[in-house]
Amino acid sequence: MTEKQNTRKEVLEVLREGRATPRYIREQTTINSKQNAQHHLQKLRADGRVEKVSRGLYELVEDPRSDAYRESMGTIFAAAMEEISDEPSVDIDRDEFEFAENGGGSE
């Protein structure tokens, strides 16, 4: 592994803990300047591994192949399905509607 790859791995390790600024990344890694931290973040953004949340704040892009991502998506999907399967949010009075005895259609 090259020195640049090792440095980017360090940056990714910091971002696995949560959002971070270039300054914080510099403090937590072997990177010797804020500008070098920004350079590595820019390269990781170009690779689609990191995204800029706001000015000076970065976060890791979750890998859809990772177990943690699949677990979180499974939880979100399960919650959505539970919400969908609950009673309808609009009450419908079945007595207000006429149903055709022959299974529907218009005359």
C-alpha atoms as a PDB file:
ATOM      1  CA  MET A   1       0.000   0.000   0.000  1.00  0.00           C
ATOM      2  CA  THR A   2       1.376   3.420  -0.916  1.00  0.00           C
ATOM      3  CA  GLU A   3       1.771   6.300   1.523  1.00  0.00           C
ATOM      4  CA  LYS A   4      -1.161   8.135  -0.095  1.00  0.00           C
ATOM      5  CA  GLN A   5      -3.359   5.054   0.239  1.00  0.00           C
ATOM      6  CA  ASN A   6      -2.386   4.711   3.904  1.00  0.00           C
ATOM      7  CA  THR A   7      -3.196   8.378   4.499  1.00  0.00           C
ATOM      8  CA  ARG A   8      -6.595   8.074   2.814  1.00  0.00           C
ATOM      9  CA  LYS A   9      -7.282   4.971   4.881  1.00  0.00           C
ATOM     10  CA  GLU A  10      -6.560   7.048   7.998  1.00  0.00           C
ATOM     11  CA  VAL A  11      -9.014   9.724   6.799  1.00  0.00           C
ATOM     12  CA  LEU A  12     -11.692   7.091   6.197  1.00  0.00           C
ATOM     13  CA  GLU A  13     -11.117   5.666   9.693  1.00  0.00           C
ATOM     14  CA  VAL A  14     -11.712   9.107  11.226  1.00  0.00           C
ATOM     15  CA  LEU A  15     -14.865   9.570   9.144  1.00  0.00           C
ATOM     16  CA  ARG A  16     -16.196   6.173  10.252  1.00  0.00           C
ATOM     17  CA  GLU A  17     -16.576   7.792  13.679  1.00  0.00           C
ATOM     18  CA  GLY A  18     -18.767  10.538  12.171  1.00  0.00           C
ATOM     19  CA  ARG A  19     -18.604  13.875  10.393  1.00  0.00           C
ATOM     20  CA  ALA A  20     -15.326  15.766  10.561  1.00  0.00           C
ATOM     21  CA  THR A  21     -13.566  18.931   9.470  1.00  0.00           C
ATOM     22  CA  PRO A  22     -10.160  18.972   7.739  1.00  0.00           C
ATOM     23  CA  ARG A  23      -8.647  20.387  10.927  1.00  0.00           C
ATOM     24  CA  TYR A  24     -10.008  17.538  13.054  1.00  0.00           C
ATOM     25  CA  ILE A  25      -8.805  15.006  10.476  1.00  0.00           C
ATOM     26  CA  ARG A  26      -5.332  16.560  10.582  1.00  0.00           C
ATOM     27  CA  GLU A  27      -5.321  16.303  14.379  1.00  0.00           C
ATOM     28  CA  GLN A  28      -6.379  12.647  14.342  1.00  0.00           C
ATOM     29  CA  THR A  29      -4.043  11.405  11.606  1.00  0.00           C
ATOM     30  CA  THR A  30      -0.447  11.662  10.421  1.00  0.00           C
ATOM     31  CA  ILE A  31      -1.442  14.423   7.977  1.00  0.00           C
ATOM     32  CA  ASN A  32       0.739  17.463   8.644  1.00  0.00           C
ATOM     33  CA  SER A  33      -1.447  20.309   7.367  1.00  0.00           C
ATOM     34  CA  LYS A  34      -5.056  21.330   6.848  1.00  0.00           C
ATOM     35  CA  GLN A  35      -4.340  21.736   3.127  1.00  0.00           C
ATOM     36  CA  ASN A  36      -3.142  18.120   2.869  1.00  0.00           C
ATOM     37  CA  ALA A  37      -6.273  16.978   4.672  1.00  0.00           C
ATOM     38  CA  GLN A  38      -8.385  18.953   2.192  1.00  0.00           C
ATOM     39  CA  HIS A  39      -6.445  17.397  -0.697  1.00  0.00           C
ATOM     40  CA  HIS A  40      -7.144  13.860   0.523  1.00  0.00           C
ATOM     41  CA  LEU A  41     -10.800  14.701   1.163  1.00  0.00           C
ATOM     42  CA  GLN A  42     -11.079  16.070  -2.372  1.00  0.00           C
ATOM     43  CA  LYS A  43      -9.641  12.841  -3.807  1.00  0.00           C
ATOM     44  CA  LEU A  44     -11.986  10.733  -1.662  1.00  0.00           C
ATOM     45  CA  ARG A  45     -14.927  12.859  -2.839  1.00  0.00           C
ATOM     46  CA  ALA A  46     -13.895  12.271  -6.464  1.00  0.00           C
ATOM     47  CA  ASP A  47     -13.860   8.518  -5.730  1.00  0.00           C
ATOM     48  CA  GLY A  48     -17.383   8.733  -4.279  1.00  0.00           C
ATOM     49  CA  ARG A  49     -16.283   7.650  -0.802  1.00  0.00           C
ATOM     50  CA  VAL A  50     -16.815  10.972   0.991  1.00  0.00           C
ATOM     51  CA  GLU A  51     -19.308  13.781   0.594  1.00  0.00           C
ATOM     52  CA  LYS A  52     -19.211  17.394   1.645  1.00  0.00           C
ATOM     53  CA  VAL A  53     -22.098  18.081   4.007  1.00  0.00           C
ATOM     54  CA  SER A  54     -21.513  21.813   4.287  1.00  0.00           C
ATOM     55  CA  ARG A  55     -18.617  24.227   4.130  1.00  0.00           C
ATOM     56  CA  GLY A  56     -15.695  22.498   5.839  1.00  0.00           C
ATOM     57  CA  LEU A  57     -17.664  19.457   7.008  1.00  0.00           C
ATOM     58  CA  TYR A  58     -17.359  15.997   5.488  1.00  0.00           C
ATOM     59  CA  GLU A  59     -18.896  12.588   6.030  1.00  0.00           C
ATOM     60  CA  LEU A  60     -18.398   9.068   4.821  1.00  0.00           C
ATOM     61  CA  VAL A  61     -20.662   7.809   2.051  1.00  0.00           C
ATOM     62  CA  GLU A  62     -22.018   4.469   3.174  1.00  0.00           C
ATOM     63  CA  ASP A  63     -21.068   1.573   0.979  1.00  0.00           C
ATOM     64  CA  PRO A  64     -24.237  -0.255  -0.110  1.00  0.00           C
ATOM     65  CA  ARG A  65     -22.222  -3.488  -0.051  1.00  0.00           C
ATOM     66  CA  SER A  66     -21.479  -3.161   3.686  1.00  0.00           C
ATOM     67  CA  ASP A  67     -23.372  -5.130   6.307  1.00  0.00           C
ATOM     68  CA  ALA A  68     -24.048  -1.988   8.365  1.00  0.00           C
ATOM     69  CA  TYR A  69     -25.664  -0.262   5.377  1.00  0.00           C
ATOM     70  CA  ARG A  70     -27.823  -3.285   4.564  1.00  0.00           C
ATOM     71  CA  GLU A  71     -28.887  -3.573   8.212  1.00  0.00           C
ATOM     72  CA  SER A  72     -29.832   0.109   8.415  1.00  0.00           C
ATOM     73  CA  MET A  73     -31.774  -0.097   5.152  1.00  0.00           C
ATOM     74  CA  GLY A  74     -33.525  -3.243   6.401  1.00  0.00           C
ATOM     75  CA  THR A  75     -34.582  -1.381   9.545  1.00  0.00           C
ATOM     76  CA  ILE A  76     -35.839   1.564   7.506  1.00  0.00           C
ATOM     77  CA  PHE A  77     -37.738  -0.759   5.146  1.00  0.00           C
ATOM     78  CA  ALA A  78     -39.287  -2.682   8.040  1.00  0.00           C
ATOM     79  CA  ALA A  79     -40.437   0.554   9.686  1.00  0.00           C
ATOM     80  CA  ALA A  80     -41.937   1.784   6.416  1.00  0.00           C
ATOM     81  CA  MET A  81     -43.775  -1.510   5.874  1.00  0.00           C
ATOM     82  CA  GLU A  82     -45.116  -1.413   9.417  1.00  0.00           C
ATOM     83  CA  GLU A  83     -46.406   2.106   8.850  1.00  0.00           C
ATOM     84  CA  ILE A  84     -48.028   1.095   5.563  1.00  0.00           C
ATOM     85  CA  SER A  85     -49.695  -1.951   7.098  1.00  0.00           C
ATOM     86  CA  ASP A  86     -51.354   0.108   9.828  1.00  0.00           C
ATOM     87  CA  GLU A  87     -54.934   1.235   9.429  1.00  0.00           C
ATOM     88  CA  PRO A  88     -55.527   3.787   6.679  1.00  0.00           C
ATOM     89  CA  SER A  89     -55.037   7.374   7.758  1.00  0.00           C
ATOM     90  CA  VAL A  90     -58.369   8.301   6.153  1.00  0.00           C
ATOM     91  CA  ASP A  91     -61.523   6.755   7.551  1.00  0.00           C
ATOM     92  CA  ILE A  92     -63.813   5.461   4.828  1.00  0.00           C
ATOM     93  CA  ASP A  93     -67.439   4.794   5.613  1.00  0.00           C
ATOM     94  CA  ARG A  94     -68.343   1.814   3.450  1.00  0.00           C
ATOM     95  CA  ASP A  95     -72.034   2.748   3.705  1.00  0.00           C
ATOM     96  CA  GLU A  96     -71.343   5.895   1.672  1.00  0.00           C
ATOM     97  CA  PHE A  97     -70.403   3.896  -1.420  1.00  0.00           C
ATOM     98  CA  GLU A  98     -72.539   1.728  -3.642  1.00  0.00           C
ATOM     99  CA  PHE A  99     -70.943  -1.428  -4.919  1.00  0.00           C
ATOM    100  CA  ALA A 100     -72.131  -3.160  -8.050  1.00  0.00           C
ATOM    101  CA  GLU A 101     -73.345  -6.676  -7.378  1.00  0.00           C
ATOM    102  CA  ASN A 102     -71.843  -8.024 -10.592  1.00  0.00           C
ATOM    103  CA  GLY A 103     -68.290  -7.116  -9.600  1.00  0.00           C
ATOM    104  CA  GLY A 104     -68.008  -3.575 -10.841  1.00  0.00           C
ATOM    105  CA  GLY A 105     -68.104  -1.669 -14.051  1.00  0.00           C
ATOM    106  CA  SER A 106     -70.537   0.926 -15.251  1.00  0.00           C
ATOM    107  CA  GLU A 107     -73.880   0.367 -16.826  1.00  0.00           C
END
